[in-house]
Amino acid sequence: MSAVAASRVFETADPAGAVVIAAEVCAGHDGAAELVVRLRHENGALGTVALDPQTGFDLMRAAGAGRLEALVGRAWLEILEGL
């Protein structure tokens, strides 16, 4: 990769870190619903965060999301800052 191409990749890289790639409601170990958020980190690694119902609702409000699909593509740290 040339220095110019590498520079362009760096300039367009997402500095926000992890990005939400999916979100769904699943049954937790105690049977209560959980919000499961799947993340892709800037290094390509995948991760999962399971949130209890109240935290899940708080996260949705902080993100201004009325539907789970509205979380997809959002920077995880940006959403957390709203909590």
PDB file of N, CA and C in Angstrom:
ATOM      1  N   MET A   1       0.856  -1.172   0.000  1.00  0.00           N
ATOM      2  CA  MET A   1       0.000   0.000   0.000  1.00  0.00           C
ATOM      3  C   MET A   1       0.899   1.232   0.000  1.00  0.00           C
ATOM      4  N   SER A   2       0.582   2.173  -0.859  1.00  0.00           N
ATOM      5  CA  SER A   2       1.393   3.388  -0.932  1.00  0.00           C
ATOM      6  C   SER A   2       1.137   4.264   0.283  1.00  0.00           C
ATOM      7  N   ALA A   3       2.030   5.228   0.510  1.00  0.00           N
ATOM      8  CA  ALA A   3       1.876   6.150   1.639  1.00  0.00           C
ATOM      9  C   ALA A   3       0.605   6.975   1.495  1.00  0.00           C
ATOM     10  N   VAL A   4       0.261   7.333   0.257  1.00  0.00           N
ATOM     11  CA  VAL A   4      -0.960   8.118   0.024  1.00  0.00           C
ATOM     12  C   VAL A   4      -2.185   7.274   0.358  1.00  0.00           C
ATOM     13  N   ALA A   5      -2.206   6.020  -0.095  1.00  0.00           N
ATOM     14  CA  ALA A   5      -3.339   5.140   0.195  1.00  0.00           C
ATOM     15  C   ALA A   5      -3.449   4.882   1.694  1.00  0.00           C
ATOM     16  N   ALA A   6      -2.308   4.647   2.353  1.00  0.00           N
ATOM     17  CA  ALA A   6      -2.327   4.430   3.799  1.00  0.00           C
ATOM     18  C   ALA A   6      -2.856   5.657   4.518  1.00  0.00           C
ATOM     19  N   SER A   7      -2.492   6.830   4.058  1.00  0.00           N
ATOM     20  CA  SER A   7      -2.974   8.066   4.654  1.00  0.00           C
ATOM     21  C   SER A   7      -4.486   8.177   4.511  1.00  0.00           C
ATOM     22  N   ARG A   8      -5.004   7.815   3.354  1.00  0.00           N
ATOM     23  CA  ARG A   8      -6.458   7.877   3.132  1.00  0.00           C
ATOM     24  C   ARG A   8      -7.192   6.897   4.039  1.00  0.00           C
ATOM     25  N   VAL A   9      -6.626   5.690   4.207  1.00  0.00           N
ATOM     26  CA  VAL A   9      -7.247   4.708   5.091  1.00  0.00           C
ATOM     27  C   VAL A   9      -7.288   5.262   6.506  1.00  0.00           C
ATOM     28  N   PHE A  10      -6.195   5.850   6.965  1.00  0.00           N
ATOM     29  CA  PHE A  10      -6.137   6.411   8.305  1.00  0.00           C
ATOM     30  C   PHE A  10      -7.149   7.534   8.461  1.00  0.00           C
ATOM     31  N   GLU A  11      -7.274   8.397   7.465  1.00  0.00           N
ATOM     32  CA  GLU A  11      -8.196   9.536   7.551  1.00  0.00           C
ATOM     33  C   GLU A  11      -9.650   9.097   7.573  1.00  0.00           C
ATOM     34  N   THR A  12      -9.952   7.974   6.936  1.00  0.00           N
ATOM     35  CA  THR A  12     -11.342   7.531   6.875  1.00  0.00           C
ATOM     36  C   THR A  12     -11.656   6.470   7.923  1.00  0.00           C
ATOM     37  N   ALA A  13     -10.654   6.039   8.699  1.00  0.00           N
ATOM     38  CA  ALA A  13     -10.908   5.043   9.739  1.00  0.00           C
ATOM     39  C   ALA A  13     -11.827   5.636  10.796  1.00  0.00           C
ATOM     40  N   ASP A  14     -12.657   4.788  11.380  1.00  0.00           N
ATOM     41  CA  ASP A  14     -13.600   5.238  12.392  1.00  0.00           C
ATOM     42  C   ASP A  14     -12.882   5.375  13.729  1.00  0.00           C
ATOM     43  N   PRO A  15     -12.682   6.587  14.220  1.00  0.00           N
ATOM     44  CA  PRO A  15     -11.971   6.784  15.474  1.00  0.00           C
ATOM     45  C   PRO A  15     -12.830   6.481  16.695  1.00  0.00           C
ATOM     46  N   ALA A  16     -14.114   6.212  16.486  1.00  0.00           N
ATOM     47  CA  ALA A  16     -15.032   6.024  17.600  1.00  0.00           C
ATOM     48  C   ALA A  16     -14.903   4.650  18.251  1.00  0.00           C
ATOM     49  N   GLY A  17     -14.178   3.740  17.635  1.00  0.00           N
ATOM     50  CA  GLY A  17     -14.028   2.416  18.220  1.00  0.00           C
ATOM     51  C   GLY A  17     -15.111   1.469  17.763  1.00  0.00           C
ATOM     52  N   ALA A  18     -15.708   0.749  18.702  1.00  0.00           N
ATOM     53  CA  ALA A  18     -16.690  -0.278  18.392  1.00  0.00           C
ATOM     54  C   ALA A  18     -17.954   0.314  17.783  1.00  0.00           C
ATOM     55  N   VAL A  19     -18.528  -0.446  16.850  1.00  0.00           N
ATOM     56  CA  VAL A  19     -19.760  -0.047  16.163  1.00  0.00           C
ATOM     57  C   VAL A  19     -20.781  -1.170  16.338  1.00  0.00           C
ATOM     58  N   VAL A  20     -22.023  -0.805  16.572  1.00  0.00           N
ATOM     59  CA  VAL A  20     -23.099  -1.780  16.714  1.00  0.00           C
ATOM     60  C   VAL A  20     -23.390  -2.406  15.351  1.00  0.00           C
ATOM     61  N   ILE A  21     -23.359  -3.733  15.293  1.00  0.00           N
ATOM     62  CA  ILE A  21     -23.668  -4.418  14.036  1.00  0.00           C
ATOM     63  C   ILE A  21     -24.997  -5.168  14.115  1.00  0.00           C
ATOM     64  N   ALA A  22     -25.520  -5.377  15.325  1.00  0.00           N
ATOM     65  CA  ALA A  22     -26.815  -6.042  15.492  1.00  0.00           C
ATOM     66  C   ALA A  22     -27.303  -5.832  16.915  1.00  0.00           C
ATOM     67  N   ALA A  23     -28.608  -5.903  17.085  1.00  0.00           N
ATOM     68  CA  ALA A  23     -29.215  -5.823  18.409  1.00  0.00           C
ATOM     69  C   ALA A  23     -30.491  -6.657  18.395  1.00  0.00           C
ATOM     70  N   GLU A  24     -30.697  -7.410  19.465  1.00  0.00           N
ATOM     71  CA  GLU A  24     -31.900  -8.231  19.551  1.00  0.00           C
ATOM     72  C   GLU A  24     -32.283  -8.451  21.007  1.00  0.00           C
ATOM     73  N   VAL A  25     -33.533  -8.780  21.229  1.00  0.00           N
ATOM     74  CA  VAL A  25     -34.022  -9.114  22.561  1.00  0.00           C
ATOM     75  C   VAL A  25     -33.988 -10.631  22.674  1.00  0.00           C
ATOM     76  N   CYS A  26     -33.360 -11.116  23.756  1.00  0.00           N
ATOM     77  CA  CYS A  26     -33.227 -12.553  23.990  1.00  0.00           C
ATOM     78  C   CYS A  26     -33.630 -12.857  25.427  1.00  0.00           C
ATOM     79  N   ALA A  27     -33.908 -14.122  25.697  1.00  0.00           N
ATOM     80  CA  ALA A  27     -34.204 -14.545  27.062  1.00  0.00           C
ATOM     81  C   ALA A  27     -32.895 -14.683  27.828  1.00  0.00           C
ATOM     82  N   GLY A  28     -32.853 -14.076  29.003  1.00  0.00           N
ATOM     83  CA  GLY A  28     -31.675 -14.188  29.860  1.00  0.00           C
ATOM     84  C   GLY A  28     -31.686 -15.488  30.637  1.00  0.00           C
ATOM     85  N   HIS A  29     -30.657 -15.709  31.433  1.00  0.00           N
ATOM     86  CA  HIS A  29     -30.556 -16.963  32.182  1.00  0.00           C
ATOM     87  C   HIS A  29     -31.684 -17.136  33.195  1.00  0.00           C
ATOM     88  N   ASP A  30     -32.277 -16.029  33.653  1.00  0.00           N
ATOM     89  CA  ASP A  30     -33.379 -16.102  34.607  1.00  0.00           C
ATOM     90  C   ASP A  30     -34.743 -15.997  33.933  1.00  0.00           C
ATOM     91  N   GLY A  31     -34.752 -16.003  32.613  1.00  0.00           N
ATOM     92  CA  GLY A  31     -35.994 -15.936  31.860  1.00  0.00           C
ATOM     93  C   GLY A  31     -36.438 -14.524  31.514  1.00  0.00           C
ATOM     94  N   ALA A  32     -35.832 -13.520  32.145  1.00  0.00           N
ATOM     95  CA  ALA A  32     -36.164 -12.123  31.837  1.00  0.00           C
ATOM     96  C   ALA A  32     -35.525 -11.740  30.503  1.00  0.00           C
ATOM     97  N   ALA A  33     -36.186 -10.850  29.788  1.00  0.00           N
ATOM     98  CA  ALA A  33     -35.661 -10.394  28.506  1.00  0.00           C
ATOM     99  C   ALA A  33     -34.385  -9.585  28.708  1.00  0.00           C
ATOM    100  N   GLU A  34     -33.440  -9.746  27.801  1.00  0.00           N
ATOM    101  CA  GLU A  34     -32.196  -8.970  27.795  1.00  0.00           C
ATOM    102  C   GLU A  34     -32.020  -8.367  26.409  1.00  0.00           C
ATOM    103  N   LEU A  35     -31.403  -7.202  26.378  1.00  0.00           N
ATOM    104  CA  LEU A  35     -31.012  -6.601  25.103  1.00  0.00           C
ATOM    105  C   LEU A  35     -29.592  -7.067  24.828  1.00  0.00           C
ATOM    106  N   VAL A  36     -29.406  -7.777  23.728  1.00  0.00           N
ATOM    107  CA  VAL A  36     -28.085  -8.263  23.341  1.00  0.00           C
ATOM    108  C   VAL A  36     -27.608  -7.410  22.172  1.00  0.00           C
ATOM    109  N   VAL A  37     -26.464  -6.758  22.382  1.00  0.00           N
ATOM    110  CA  VAL A  37     -25.888  -5.868  21.371  1.00  0.00           C
ATOM    111  C   VAL A  37     -24.598  -6.502  20.874  1.00  0.00           C
ATOM    112  N   ARG A  38     -24.490  -6.637  19.563  1.00  0.00           N
ATOM    113  CA  ARG A  38     -23.273  -7.201  18.963  1.00  0.00           C
ATOM    114  C   ARG A  38     -22.450  -6.052  18.382  1.00  0.00           C
ATOM    115  N   LEU A  39     -21.149  -6.099  18.675  1.00  0.00           N
ATOM    116  CA  LEU A  39     -20.248  -5.013  18.299  1.00  0.00           C
ATOM    117  C   LEU A  39     -19.121  -5.515  17.410  1.00  0.00           C
ATOM    118  N   ARG A  40     -18.658  -4.635  16.522  1.00  0.00           N
ATOM    119  CA  ARG A  40     -17.430  -4.879  15.761  1.00  0.00           C
ATOM    120  C   ARG A  40     -16.461  -3.789  16.190  1.00  0.00           C
ATOM    121  N   HIS A  41     -15.332  -4.226  16.738  1.00  0.00           N
ATOM    122  CA  HIS A  41     -14.314  -3.288  17.201  1.00  0.00           C
ATOM    123  C   HIS A  41     -13.450  -2.836  16.032  1.00  0.00           C
ATOM    124  N   GLU A  42     -12.717  -1.744  16.222  1.00  0.00           N
ATOM    125  CA  GLU A  42     -11.934  -1.178  15.115  1.00  0.00           C
ATOM    126  C   GLU A  42     -10.887  -2.141  14.580  1.00  0.00           C
ATOM    127  N   ASN A  43     -10.475  -3.123  15.400  1.00  0.00           N
ATOM    128  CA  ASN A  43      -9.495  -4.107  14.917  1.00  0.00           C
ATOM    129  C   ASN A  43     -10.164  -5.300  14.228  1.00  0.00           C
ATOM    130  N   GLY A  44     -11.505  -5.250  14.090  1.00  0.00           N
ATOM    131  CA  GLY A  44     -12.239  -6.311  13.428  1.00  0.00           C
ATOM    132  C   GLY A  44     -12.812  -7.367  14.363  1.00  0.00           C
ATOM    133  N   ALA A  45     -12.384  -7.358  15.621  1.00  0.00           N
ATOM    134  CA  ALA A  45     -12.894  -8.332  16.591  1.00  0.00           C
ATOM    135  C   ALA A  45     -14.377  -8.095  16.846  1.00  0.00           C
ATOM    136  N   LEU A  46     -15.086  -9.184  17.121  1.00  0.00           N
ATOM    137  CA  LEU A  46     -16.510  -9.105  17.416  1.00  0.00           C
ATOM    138  C   LEU A  46     -16.725  -9.295  18.909  1.00  0.00           C
ATOM    139  N   GLY A  47     -17.725  -8.624  19.456  1.00  0.00           N
ATOM    140  CA  GLY A  47     -18.046  -8.752  20.865  1.00  0.00           C
ATOM    141  C   GLY A  47     -19.542  -8.678  21.079  1.00  0.00           C
ATOM    142  N   THR A  48     -19.980  -9.124  22.233  1.00  0.00           N
ATOM    143  CA  THR A  48     -21.395  -9.119  22.578  1.00  0.00           C
ATOM    144  C   THR A  48     -21.556  -8.528  23.960  1.00  0.00           C
ATOM    145  N   VAL A  49     -22.587  -7.692  24.117  1.00  0.00           N
ATOM    146  CA  VAL A  49     -22.924  -7.108  25.411  1.00  0.00           C
ATOM    147  C   VAL A  49     -24.380  -7.456  25.687  1.00  0.00           C
ATOM    148  N   ALA A  50     -24.648  -8.070  26.847  1.00  0.00           N
ATOM    149  CA  ALA A  50     -26.018  -8.389  27.255  1.00  0.00           C
ATOM    150  C   ALA A  50     -26.420  -7.421  28.365  1.00  0.00           C
ATOM    151  N   LEU A  51     -27.563  -6.762  28.178  1.00  0.00           N
ATOM    152  CA  LEU A  51     -28.028  -5.753  29.129  1.00  0.00           C
ATOM    153  C   LEU A  51     -29.364  -6.174  29.743  1.00  0.00           C
ATOM    154  N   ASP A  52     -29.506  -5.942  31.040  1.00  0.00           N
ATOM    155  CA  ASP A  52     -30.775  -6.225  31.702  1.00  0.00           C
ATOM    156  C   ASP A  52     -31.852  -5.302  31.130  1.00  0.00           C
ATOM    157  N   PRO A  53     -33.122  -5.602  31.359  1.00  0.00           N
ATOM    158  CA  PRO A  53     -34.197  -4.821  30.735  1.00  0.00           C
ATOM    159  C   PRO A  53     -34.108  -3.312  30.987  1.00  0.00           C
ATOM    160  N   GLN A  54     -33.892  -2.889  32.219  1.00  0.00           N
ATOM    161  CA  GLN A  54     -33.858  -1.453  32.498  1.00  0.00           C
ATOM    162  C   GLN A  54     -32.703  -0.767  31.787  1.00  0.00           C
ATOM    163  N   THR A  55     -31.536  -1.377  31.821  1.00  0.00           N
ATOM    164  CA  THR A  55     -30.379  -0.797  31.145  1.00  0.00           C
ATOM    165  C   THR A  55     -30.598  -0.772  29.633  1.00  0.00           C
ATOM    166  N   GLY A  56     -31.246  -1.822  29.118  1.00  0.00           N
ATOM    167  CA  GLY A  56     -31.559  -1.860  27.686  1.00  0.00           C
ATOM    168  C   GLY A  56     -32.464  -0.708  27.285  1.00  0.00           C
ATOM    169  N   PHE A  57     -33.522  -0.457  28.083  1.00  0.00           N
ATOM    170  CA  PHE A  57     -34.409   0.671  27.795  1.00  0.00           C
ATOM    171  C   PHE A  57     -33.668   2.000  27.922  1.00  0.00           C
ATOM    172  N   ASP A  58     -32.810   2.120  28.931  1.00  0.00           N
ATOM    173  CA  ASP A  58     -32.020   3.349  29.110  1.00  0.00           C
ATOM    174  C   ASP A  58     -31.110   3.578  27.909  1.00  0.00           C
ATOM    175  N   LEU A  59     -30.503   2.509  27.418  1.00  0.00           N
ATOM    176  CA  LEU A  59     -29.616   2.620  26.260  1.00  0.00           C
ATOM    177  C   LEU A  59     -30.391   3.057  25.021  1.00  0.00           C
ATOM    178  N   MET A  60     -31.565   2.477  24.823  1.00  0.00           N
ATOM    179  CA  MET A  60     -32.392   2.858  23.670  1.00  0.00           C
ATOM    180  C   MET A  60     -32.763   4.340  23.743  1.00  0.00           C
ATOM    181  N   ARG A  61     -33.150   4.804  24.923  1.00  0.00           N
ATOM    182  CA  ARG A  61     -33.481   6.226  25.087  1.00  0.00           C
ATOM    183  C   ARG A  61     -32.262   7.108  24.833  1.00  0.00           C
ATOM    184  N   ALA A  62     -31.113   6.719  25.383  1.00  0.00           N
ATOM    185  CA  ALA A  62     -29.889   7.499  25.209  1.00  0.00           C
ATOM    186  C   ALA A  62     -29.505   7.609  23.735  1.00  0.00           C
ATOM    187  N   ALA A  63     -29.793   6.561  22.977  1.00  0.00           N
ATOM    188  CA  ALA A  63     -29.470   6.553  21.552  1.00  0.00           C
ATOM    189  C   ALA A  63     -30.549   7.236  20.716  1.00  0.00           C
ATOM    190  N   GLY A  64     -31.682   7.551  21.346  1.00  0.00           N
ATOM    191  CA  GLY A  64     -32.789   8.131  20.589  1.00  0.00           C
ATOM    192  C   GLY A  64     -33.372   7.133  19.604  1.00  0.00           C
ATOM    193  N   ALA A  65     -33.315   5.858  19.983  1.00  0.00           N
ATOM    194  CA  ALA A  65     -33.751   4.784  19.090  1.00  0.00           C
ATOM    195  C   ALA A  65     -35.101   4.234  19.528  1.00  0.00           C
ATOM    196  N   GLY A  66     -36.058   4.261  18.639  1.00  0.00           N
ATOM    197  CA  GLY A  66     -37.365   3.692  18.907  1.00  0.00           C
ATOM    198  C   GLY A  66     -37.456   2.232  18.509  1.00  0.00           C
ATOM    199  N   ARG A  67     -36.482   1.781  17.725  1.00  0.00           N
ATOM    200  CA  ARG A  67     -36.437   0.390  17.251  1.00  0.00           C
ATOM    201  C   ARG A  67     -35.007  -0.113  17.368  1.00  0.00           C
ATOM    202  N   LEU A  68     -34.861  -1.406  17.544  1.00  0.00           N
ATOM    203  CA  LEU A  68     -33.523  -1.993  17.658  1.00  0.00           C
ATOM    204  C   LEU A  68     -32.670  -1.724  16.431  1.00  0.00           C
ATOM    205  N   GLU A  69     -33.296  -1.736  15.263  1.00  0.00           N
ATOM    206  CA  GLU A  69     -32.557  -1.521  14.017  1.00  0.00           C
ATOM    207  C   GLU A  69     -31.881  -0.147  13.990  1.00  0.00           C
ATOM    208  N   ALA A  70     -32.401   0.805  14.748  1.00  0.00           N
ATOM    209  CA  ALA A  70     -31.829   2.151  14.770  1.00  0.00           C
ATOM    210  C   ALA A  70     -30.477   2.194  15.475  1.00  0.00           C
ATOM    211  N   LEU A  71     -30.138   1.140  16.212  1.00  0.00           N
ATOM    212  CA  LEU A  71     -28.832   1.086  16.879  1.00  0.00           C
ATOM    213  C   LEU A  71     -27.718   0.676  15.916  1.00  0.00           C
ATOM    214  N   VAL A  72     -28.074  -0.081  14.890  1.00  0.00           N
ATOM    215  CA  VAL A  72     -27.081  -0.623  13.954  1.00  0.00           C
ATOM    216  C   VAL A  72     -26.363   0.510  13.223  1.00  0.00           C
ATOM    217  N   GLY A  73     -25.039   0.412  13.221  1.00  0.00           N
ATOM    218  CA  GLY A  73     -24.208   1.413  12.561  1.00  0.00           C
ATOM    219  C   GLY A  73     -23.763   2.538  13.472  1.00  0.00           C
ATOM    220  N   ARG A  74     -24.291   2.567  14.683  1.00  0.00           N
ATOM    221  CA  ARG A  74     -23.946   3.631  15.625  1.00  0.00           C
ATOM    222  C   ARG A  74     -22.678   3.286  16.388  1.00  0.00           C
ATOM    223  N   ALA A  75     -21.911   4.300  16.739  1.00  0.00           N
ATOM    224  CA  ALA A  75     -20.703   4.111  17.542  1.00  0.00           C
ATOM    225  C   ALA A  75     -21.116   3.782  18.976  1.00  0.00           C
ATOM    226  N   TRP A  76     -20.580   2.704  19.517  1.00  0.00           N
ATOM    227  CA  TRP A  76     -20.926   2.242  20.853  1.00  0.00           C
ATOM    228  C   TRP A  76     -20.610   3.299  21.909  1.00  0.00           C
ATOM    229  N   LEU A  77     -19.442   3.910  21.833  1.00  0.00           N
ATOM    230  CA  LEU A  77     -19.077   4.917  22.831  1.00  0.00           C
ATOM    231  C   LEU A  77     -19.985   6.141  22.766  1.00  0.00           C
ATOM    232  N   GLU A  78     -20.439   6.490  21.581  1.00  0.00           N
ATOM    233  CA  GLU A  78     -21.352   7.612  21.418  1.00  0.00           C
ATOM    234  C   GLU A  78     -22.670   7.339  22.145  1.00  0.00           C
ATOM    235  N   ILE A  79     -23.156   6.113  22.029  1.00  0.00           N
ATOM    236  CA  ILE A  79     -24.392   5.737  22.715  1.00  0.00           C
ATOM    237  C   ILE A  79     -24.177   5.746  24.227  1.00  0.00           C
ATOM    238  N   LEU A  80     -23.072   5.184  24.683  1.00  0.00           N
ATOM    239  CA  LEU A  80     -22.805   5.121  26.124  1.00  0.00           C
ATOM    240  C   LEU A  80     -22.665   6.504  26.753  1.00  0.00           C
ATOM    241  N   GLU A  81     -22.119   7.457  26.001  1.00  0.00           N
ATOM    242  CA  GLU A  81     -21.977   8.818  26.533  1.00  0.00           C
ATOM    243  C   GLU A  81     -23.328   9.427  26.876  1.00  0.00           C
ATOM    244  N   GLY A  82     -24.392   8.980  26.212  1.00  0.00           N
ATOM    245  CA  GLY A  82     -25.722   9.508  26.477  1.00  0.00           C
ATOM    246  C   GLY A  82     -26.372   8.940  27.730  1.00  0.00           C
ATOM    247  N   LEU A  83     -25.799   7.876  28.283  1.00  0.00           N
ATOM    248  CA  LEU A  83     -26.376   7.274  29.491  1.00  0.00           C
ATOM    249  C   LEU A  83     -26.125   8.101  30.731  1.00  0.00           C
TER     250      LEU A  83
END
